Amino acid sequence: MSGLLSRVTKFARSPEGRRAMREARRAADDPKNRAEAKRLIGRLRGGKSGKGGKK
């Protein structure tokens, strides 16, 4: 598992990884994307989806 973590760390420090992180932050700043992410997280946690989910 530590091999995977070191590979992720190496990627995050690379120019390509920094670019990916900038794009992810830009997407997270969009209110529409933020609302969608919040809705999905709520569904994953078992919250009410309003679409006839679990009771």
Protein backbone atom coordinates (compact mmCIF):
# COMPACT_ATOMS: atom_id res chain seq x y z
CA MET A 1 0.00 0.00 0.00
CA SER A 2 2.87 2.38 0.68
CA GLY A 3 3.96 1.90 -2.94
CA LEU A 4 0.63 3.25 -4.12
CA LEU A 5 0.83 6.20 -1.76
CA SER A 6 4.32 7.10 -2.95
CA ARG A 7 3.19 6.92 -6.59
CA VAL A 8 0.22 9.20 -5.86
CA THR A 9 2.50 11.64 -4.03
CA LYS A 10 4.98 11.60 -6.91
CA PHE A 11 2.16 12.32 -9.39
CA ALA A 12 0.76 15.14 -7.25
CA ARG A 13 4.15 16.85 -7.22
CA SER A 14 4.67 16.50 -10.97
CA PRO A 15 3.67 19.26 -13.41
CA GLU A 16 0.88 17.04 -14.76
CA GLY A 17 -0.41 16.38 -11.24
CA ARG A 18 -0.36 20.07 -10.36
CA ARG A 19 -2.31 20.83 -13.53
CA ALA A 20 -4.89 18.17 -12.63
CA MET A 21 -5.24 19.64 -9.14
CA ARG A 22 -5.78 23.15 -10.55
CA GLU A 23 -8.50 21.84 -12.87
CA ALA A 24 -10.17 19.97 -10.00
CA ARG A 25 -10.14 23.08 -7.82
CA ARG A 26 -11.62 25.14 -10.67
CA ALA A 27 -14.40 22.58 -11.13
CA ALA A 28 -15.05 22.54 -7.38
CA ASP A 29 -15.50 26.32 -7.38
CA ASP A 30 -18.42 26.07 -9.82
CA PRO A 31 -21.67 26.30 -7.78
CA LYS A 32 -23.45 23.87 -10.10
CA ASN A 33 -20.75 21.21 -9.67
CA ARG A 34 -20.64 21.83 -5.94
CA ALA A 35 -24.40 21.29 -5.62
CA GLU A 36 -24.20 18.06 -7.64
CA ALA A 37 -21.34 16.76 -5.49
CA LYS A 38 -23.25 17.60 -2.31
CA ARG A 39 -26.32 15.73 -3.62
CA LEU A 40 -24.25 12.66 -4.52
CA ILE A 41 -22.49 12.61 -1.15
CA GLY A 42 -25.87 12.80 0.57
CA ARG A 43 -27.07 9.81 -1.43
CA LEU A 44 -23.93 7.83 -0.62
CA ARG A 45 -24.40 8.53 3.07
CA GLY A 46 -27.95 7.23 2.87
CA GLY A 47 -29.71 10.57 3.01
CA LYS A 48 -33.05 11.30 1.42
CA SER A 49 -32.79 11.58 -2.34
CA GLY A 50 -36.43 12.50 -2.95
CA LYS A 51 -36.61 9.83 -5.63
CA GLY A 52 -38.16 6.97 -3.66
CA GLY A 53 -34.95 5.68 -2.14
CA LYS A 54 -34.57 3.52 0.98
CA LYS A 55 -36.79 4.12 4.00
